Amino acid sequence: MIKLKDGYTLMHEHVTIDLSGVKKDFDCKLDCFEETVEEFKELYRLGVRNVLEVTNMGMGRDISYIERVAEATGIQFIISTGFYKEPFLPQIVYEKTAEELADMAEKEINEGIGDTKVCASVLGEFGTSKNEMTNTEEKVFQAMALAAVRTGAPVTTHTTLGTFGEQQADYLIEHGVKPEKIIIGHMDLSQDLDKILRLLEKGVNIGFDTVGKLNYCPDTFRAKALGEIASEGRLPQVVLSMDITRKSHLKSRGGIGYSYLFTDFLPLLKDSGMTEEQINTLLIDNPKRILEE
């Protein structure tokens, strides 16, 4: 059972991640320990106390690294298990059955990860390709749904540019996962409010979790869409984050840094009419409901 610390919770971040092998780009190996610690100390000063860390098997997850950042900053990291998406899946996903993959994830939840005593609490991030779910991605979805039903753990997904989110939700619900335990990720990147509202009607949660990635989507869309979602009474189904994954995203490397959501995006939300209470719904109440209940 997860017990969150009192304060804000970011719901889709990577403390360290390594996708550099597949991407052939060393920028995609986020391993700047001292710089990361400084950024998370700043987050702590801004009121963040919990971060859902969504790096899993095959993505360069490093439990000891995460623990060292936690110890240095006072922030609690909620750890994830599972498998990402093609072409980033480890070979084991192609070799094992969905049942066997589910068993692996369940073991990390119930017994701990590797030889550590650290247990995963969330299944994710697992995802689909742009506008499709490949056969192997479907195997992962089947495995994660199995593990979610057996453990009761929340699931958090990756959509490629906000595509295929409705199909992800339908698949998971049809396979027995409770809608209130599902987060469909990166839906801000769809830039399609009608699609977002249709998805929310299914009872699932969504991530506006690429805040600040302006090359994909302007923050003005995110702010306007959140206002519309609030007017529809659906704000209790939305979580926020930034999805920092590259060295160049760090402030010390010229990027916007992890704190941008608080220093730049929240003022934009307030300017657009969002109240402190609504912001607390997004950053405190919703994570608490999804992760703790």
Protein backbone atom coordinates (compact mmCIF):
# COMPACT_ATOMS: atom_id res chain seq x y z
CA MET A 1 0.00 0.00 0.00
CA ILE A 2 1.44 3.36 -1.04
CA LYS A 3 1.38 6.18 1.48
CA LEU A 4 2.09 9.52 -0.12
CA LYS A 5 3.83 12.32 1.74
CA ASP A 6 1.80 15.50 2.17
CA GLY A 7 2.50 17.79 -0.76
CA TYR A 8 2.42 17.81 -4.55
CA THR A 9 2.86 14.63 -6.61
CA LEU A 10 4.22 14.48 -10.17
CA MET A 11 2.74 11.46 -11.92
CA HIS A 12 5.05 10.68 -14.84
CA GLU A 13 8.78 11.29 -14.46
CA HIS A 14 12.14 9.61 -14.99
CA VAL A 15 14.93 10.17 -12.48
CA THR A 16 17.26 8.18 -14.69
CA ILE A 17 16.53 6.50 -18.01
CA ASP A 18 18.54 5.08 -20.90
CA LEU A 19 16.95 4.84 -24.35
CA SER A 20 20.21 5.83 -26.03
CA GLY A 21 20.92 2.41 -27.53
CA VAL A 22 17.80 2.28 -29.67
CA LYS A 23 17.72 6.02 -30.37
CA LYS A 24 21.45 6.14 -31.17
CA ASP A 25 21.57 9.38 -29.21
CA PHE A 26 23.59 9.77 -26.00
CA ASP A 27 21.32 12.67 -24.96
CA CYS A 28 18.70 9.98 -24.22
CA LYS A 29 20.82 8.57 -21.41
CA LEU A 30 19.75 10.63 -18.42
CA ASP A 31 22.45 9.94 -15.83
CA CYS A 32 23.48 13.35 -14.48
CA PHE A 33 23.27 12.56 -10.78
CA GLU A 34 24.44 15.84 -9.20
CA GLU A 35 22.39 17.97 -11.59
CA THR A 36 19.33 15.79 -11.01
CA VAL A 37 19.71 16.11 -7.24
CA GLU A 38 19.84 19.91 -7.52
CA GLU A 39 16.69 19.92 -9.64
CA PHE A 40 14.79 17.69 -7.21
CA LYS A 41 15.92 19.83 -4.27
CA GLU A 42 14.31 22.74 -6.11
CA LEU A 43 11.13 20.67 -6.57
CA TYR A 44 11.12 20.00 -2.83
CA ARG A 45 11.33 23.75 -2.15
CA LEU A 46 8.35 24.20 -4.48
CA GLY A 47 6.26 21.72 -2.49
CA VAL A 48 6.77 18.43 -4.35
CA ARG A 49 7.00 15.44 -2.01
CA ASN A 50 6.21 12.47 -4.29
CA VAL A 51 7.17 11.49 -7.83
CA LEU A 52 5.83 8.52 -9.77
CA GLU A 53 8.96 7.15 -11.48
CA VAL A 54 7.81 5.32 -14.60
CA THR A 55 11.07 3.78 -15.82
CA ASN A 56 10.74 -0.01 -16.00
CA MET A 57 12.43 -3.16 -17.34
CA GLY A 58 14.46 -2.42 -20.46
CA MET A 59 14.45 1.36 -19.97
CA GLY A 60 17.56 1.62 -17.82
CA ARG A 61 15.79 1.56 -14.47
CA ASP A 62 18.34 1.87 -11.63
CA ILE A 63 16.92 1.40 -8.15
CA SER A 64 20.10 2.32 -6.27
CA TYR A 65 20.38 5.57 -8.29
CA ILE A 66 16.76 6.45 -7.48
CA GLU A 67 17.31 5.67 -3.79
CA ARG A 68 20.36 7.94 -3.69
CA VAL A 69 18.37 10.81 -5.23
CA ALA A 70 15.57 10.20 -2.71
CA GLU A 71 18.01 10.25 0.19
CA ALA A 72 19.66 13.45 -1.04
CA THR A 73 16.40 15.34 -1.67
CA GLY A 74 13.69 14.10 0.71
CA ILE A 75 11.36 13.26 -2.18
CA GLN A 76 9.58 9.91 -2.20
CA PHE A 77 9.73 7.99 -5.48
CA ILE A 78 7.00 5.50 -6.33
CA ILE A 79 8.58 2.75 -8.43
CA SER A 80 7.08 1.11 -11.52
CA THR A 81 7.35 -2.28 -13.21
CA GLY A 82 6.50 -3.65 -16.62
CA PHE A 83 7.71 -3.08 -20.17
CA TYR A 84 7.59 0.03 -22.37
CA LYS A 85 6.77 -0.20 -26.11
CA GLU A 86 8.38 -1.19 -29.38
CA PRO A 87 11.18 -0.70 -30.33
CA PHE A 88 12.34 -0.37 -26.71
CA LEU A 89 11.20 -3.76 -25.39
CA PRO A 90 13.83 -6.12 -23.94
CA GLN A 91 14.34 -9.45 -25.71
CA ILE A 92 12.60 -11.30 -22.90
CA VAL A 93 9.25 -9.80 -23.98
CA TYR A 94 9.54 -11.58 -27.34
CA GLU A 95 10.53 -14.87 -25.72
CA LYS A 96 8.00 -15.18 -22.89
CA THR A 97 4.22 -15.52 -22.81
CA ALA A 98 1.93 -12.80 -21.49
CA GLU A 99 1.34 -14.95 -18.41
CA GLU A 100 5.08 -15.21 -17.74
CA LEU A 101 5.55 -11.47 -18.22
CA ALA A 102 2.69 -10.83 -15.79
CA ASP A 103 4.40 -13.12 -13.26
CA MET A 104 7.62 -11.10 -13.58
CA ALA A 105 5.82 -7.83 -12.89
CA GLU A 106 3.85 -9.32 -10.00
CA LYS A 107 7.06 -10.57 -8.43
CA GLU A 108 8.49 -7.04 -8.51
CA ILE A 109 5.34 -5.77 -6.79
CA ASN A 110 5.02 -8.52 -4.19
CA GLU A 111 8.63 -9.51 -3.46
CA GLY A 112 10.89 -6.71 -4.65
CA ILE A 113 13.01 -5.74 -7.64
CA GLY A 114 16.07 -7.88 -8.27
CA ASP A 115 18.07 -8.35 -5.08
CA THR A 116 16.73 -5.13 -3.55
CA LYS A 117 13.95 -4.98 -1.01
CA VAL A 118 12.29 -2.20 -3.03
CA CYS A 119 8.88 -3.17 -4.36
CA ALA A 120 7.18 -1.66 -7.39
CA SER A 121 3.74 -0.15 -6.77
CA VAL A 122 2.57 0.75 -10.29
CA LEU A 123 2.46 -1.03 -13.65
CA GLY A 124 3.86 1.21 -16.36
CA GLU A 125 4.73 3.00 -18.40
CA PHE A 126 3.65 0.60 -21.14
CA GLY A 127 2.44 1.84 -24.47
CA THR A 128 1.43 1.72 -28.08
CA SER A 129 2.99 2.96 -31.28
CA LYS A 130 1.58 5.86 -33.28
CA ASN A 131 -2.01 5.02 -34.27
CA GLU A 132 -1.57 1.30 -33.60
CA MET A 133 -0.96 -1.43 -31.05
CA THR A 134 1.55 -3.91 -32.48
CA ASN A 135 1.20 -7.63 -31.71
CA THR A 136 4.02 -7.51 -29.18
CA GLU A 137 2.61 -4.37 -27.56
CA GLU A 138 -0.70 -6.20 -27.23
CA LYS A 139 1.12 -9.02 -25.44
CA VAL A 140 2.49 -6.44 -22.98
CA PHE A 141 -1.00 -4.95 -22.50
CA GLN A 142 -2.38 -8.42 -21.82
CA ALA A 143 0.39 -9.08 -19.29
CA MET A 144 -0.05 -5.75 -17.54
CA ALA A 145 -3.82 -6.19 -17.36
CA LEU A 146 -3.34 -9.66 -15.84
CA ALA A 147 -0.91 -8.29 -13.25
CA ALA A 148 -3.20 -5.33 -12.49
CA VAL A 149 -6.24 -7.55 -11.88
CA ARG A 150 -4.22 -9.87 -9.62
CA THR A 151 -2.43 -7.19 -7.60
CA GLY A 152 -4.83 -4.22 -7.71
CA ALA A 153 -1.92 -1.99 -8.74
CA PRO A 154 -2.65 1.14 -10.79
CA VAL A 155 -1.54 1.18 -14.44
CA THR A 156 -0.05 4.09 -16.35
CA THR A 157 0.37 4.06 -20.13
CA HIS A 158 2.28 5.76 -22.90
CA THR A 159 0.46 6.97 -25.98
CA THR A 160 2.54 8.07 -28.94
CA LEU A 161 1.53 11.71 -29.49
CA GLY A 162 -1.81 11.06 -27.79
CA THR A 163 -2.91 8.46 -30.36
CA PHE A 164 -4.73 5.19 -29.56
CA GLY A 165 -5.69 6.30 -26.04
CA GLU A 166 -9.34 5.29 -26.37
CA GLN A 167 -8.35 1.85 -27.63
CA GLN A 168 -5.89 1.45 -24.74
CA ALA A 169 -8.64 2.27 -22.25
CA ASP A 170 -11.12 -0.10 -23.90
CA TYR A 171 -8.57 -2.94 -23.94
CA LEU A 172 -7.65 -2.57 -20.27
CA ILE A 173 -11.25 -2.23 -19.10
CA GLU A 174 -12.33 -5.24 -21.17
CA HIS A 175 -9.53 -7.23 -19.52
CA GLY A 176 -10.79 -6.42 -16.05
CA VAL A 177 -8.76 -3.38 -14.98
CA LYS A 178 -10.81 -0.87 -13.00
CA PRO A 179 -11.13 2.42 -14.93
CA GLU A 180 -10.32 4.52 -11.86
CA LYS A 181 -6.96 2.69 -11.63
CA ILE A 182 -5.99 3.49 -15.23
CA ILE A 183 -3.96 6.53 -16.35
CA ILE A 184 -3.80 7.00 -20.12
CA GLY A 185 -0.64 9.02 -20.64
CA HIS A 186 0.39 11.95 -22.83
CA MET A 187 -3.17 12.83 -23.86
CA ASP A 188 -2.24 16.51 -23.94
CA LEU A 189 -0.20 15.69 -27.05
CA SER A 190 -3.35 14.70 -28.93
CA GLN A 191 -4.34 18.40 -28.98
CA ASP A 192 -7.88 17.06 -29.48
CA LEU A 193 -10.31 18.12 -26.76
CA ASP A 194 -13.19 16.02 -28.11
CA LYS A 195 -11.04 12.89 -28.02
CA ILE A 196 -9.90 13.74 -24.49
CA LEU A 197 -13.48 14.24 -23.25
CA ARG A 198 -14.62 10.96 -24.86
CA LEU A 199 -11.81 9.19 -23.06
CA LEU A 200 -12.72 10.77 -19.71
CA GLU A 201 -16.31 9.55 -20.16
CA LYS A 202 -14.97 6.00 -19.92
CA GLY A 203 -14.05 6.73 -16.28
CA VAL A 204 -10.29 6.47 -16.70
CA ASN A 205 -7.71 9.06 -15.66
CA ILE A 206 -5.51 10.86 -18.17
CA GLY A 207 -2.08 12.42 -18.05
CA PHE A 208 -1.37 15.96 -19.09
CA ASP A 209 2.16 14.86 -18.43
CA THR A 210 4.34 16.46 -21.08
CA VAL A 211 3.98 20.00 -19.76
CA GLY A 212 6.57 22.33 -21.26
CA LYS A 213 7.31 20.19 -24.32
CA LEU A 214 6.33 23.05 -26.59
CA ASN A 215 7.80 21.49 -29.71
CA TYR A 216 5.00 18.91 -29.45
CA CYS A 217 2.15 20.98 -28.03
CA PRO A 218 1.78 24.58 -26.81
CA ASP A 219 1.09 25.03 -23.10
CA THR A 220 -1.72 27.39 -24.10
CA PHE A 221 -3.59 24.35 -25.42
CA ARG A 222 -2.96 22.49 -22.16
CA ALA A 223 -4.26 25.41 -20.09
CA LYS A 224 -7.34 25.94 -22.28
CA ALA A 225 -8.13 22.21 -22.37
CA LEU A 226 -7.82 21.90 -18.58
CA GLY A 227 -10.28 24.78 -18.24
CA GLU A 228 -12.75 22.96 -20.51
CA ILE A 229 -12.21 19.68 -18.63
CA ALA A 230 -12.90 21.51 -15.36
CA SER A 231 -16.13 22.98 -16.75
CA GLU A 232 -17.23 19.43 -17.65
CA GLY A 233 -16.57 18.31 -14.06
CA ARG A 234 -13.77 15.96 -15.13
CA LEU A 235 -10.78 17.60 -13.44
CA PRO A 236 -10.66 14.82 -10.77
CA GLN A 237 -9.52 12.46 -13.57
CA VAL A 238 -6.41 14.40 -14.67
CA VAL A 239 -2.83 14.25 -13.41
CA LEU A 240 0.14 16.46 -14.30
CA SER A 241 3.81 15.91 -15.01
CA MET A 242 6.60 16.82 -17.44
CA ASP A 243 8.20 13.52 -18.59
CA ILE A 244 11.82 14.69 -18.48
CA THR A 245 13.91 12.10 -20.36
CA ARG A 246 17.01 13.78 -21.79
CA LYS A 247 20.18 15.44 -20.51
CA SER A 248 19.23 18.47 -22.61
CA HIS A 249 15.94 18.79 -20.70
CA LEU A 250 17.86 19.69 -17.53
CA LYS A 251 18.09 23.34 -16.59
CA SER A 252 21.88 23.20 -16.30
CA ARG A 253 22.02 21.93 -19.90
CA GLY A 254 19.81 24.70 -21.28
CA GLY A 255 16.50 22.88 -20.88
CA ILE A 256 13.36 23.86 -18.99
CA GLY A 257 14.10 21.57 -16.04
CA TYR A 258 11.77 19.65 -13.72
CA SER A 259 10.59 22.80 -11.93
CA TYR A 260 9.06 24.43 -15.03
CA LEU A 261 5.62 23.04 -14.23
CA PHE A 262 5.59 25.10 -11.02
CA THR A 263 7.50 28.20 -12.09
CA ASP A 264 5.87 28.67 -15.52
CA PHE A 265 2.87 26.41 -16.13
CA LEU A 266 0.95 26.91 -12.88
CA PRO A 267 1.07 30.72 -13.26
CA LEU A 268 -0.34 30.22 -16.78
CA LEU A 269 -3.16 28.10 -15.33
CA LYS A 270 -3.91 30.74 -12.71
CA ASP A 271 -3.92 33.47 -15.35
CA SER A 272 -6.45 31.43 -17.32
CA GLY A 273 -8.77 31.30 -14.29
CA MET A 274 -7.85 28.09 -12.52
CA THR A 275 -8.12 28.27 -8.73
CA GLU A 276 -5.68 27.07 -6.10
CA GLU A 277 -8.25 24.43 -5.11
CA GLN A 278 -8.38 23.12 -8.69
CA ILE A 279 -4.58 23.00 -8.88
CA ASN A 280 -4.55 21.03 -5.63
CA THR A 281 -7.06 18.63 -7.19
CA LEU A 282 -4.60 17.98 -10.03
CA LEU A 283 -1.41 17.74 -7.98
CA ILE A 284 -2.55 16.43 -4.59
CA ASP A 285 -6.03 14.89 -4.53
CA ASN A 286 -5.99 12.95 -7.80
CA PRO A 287 -2.61 11.26 -7.24
CA LYS A 288 -3.68 10.38 -3.70
CA ARG A 289 -6.89 8.72 -4.91
CA ILE A 290 -5.22 6.79 -7.74
CA LEU A 291 -2.18 5.63 -5.79
CA GLU A 292 -3.45 5.18 -2.25
CA GLU A 293 -6.99 3.80 -2.53
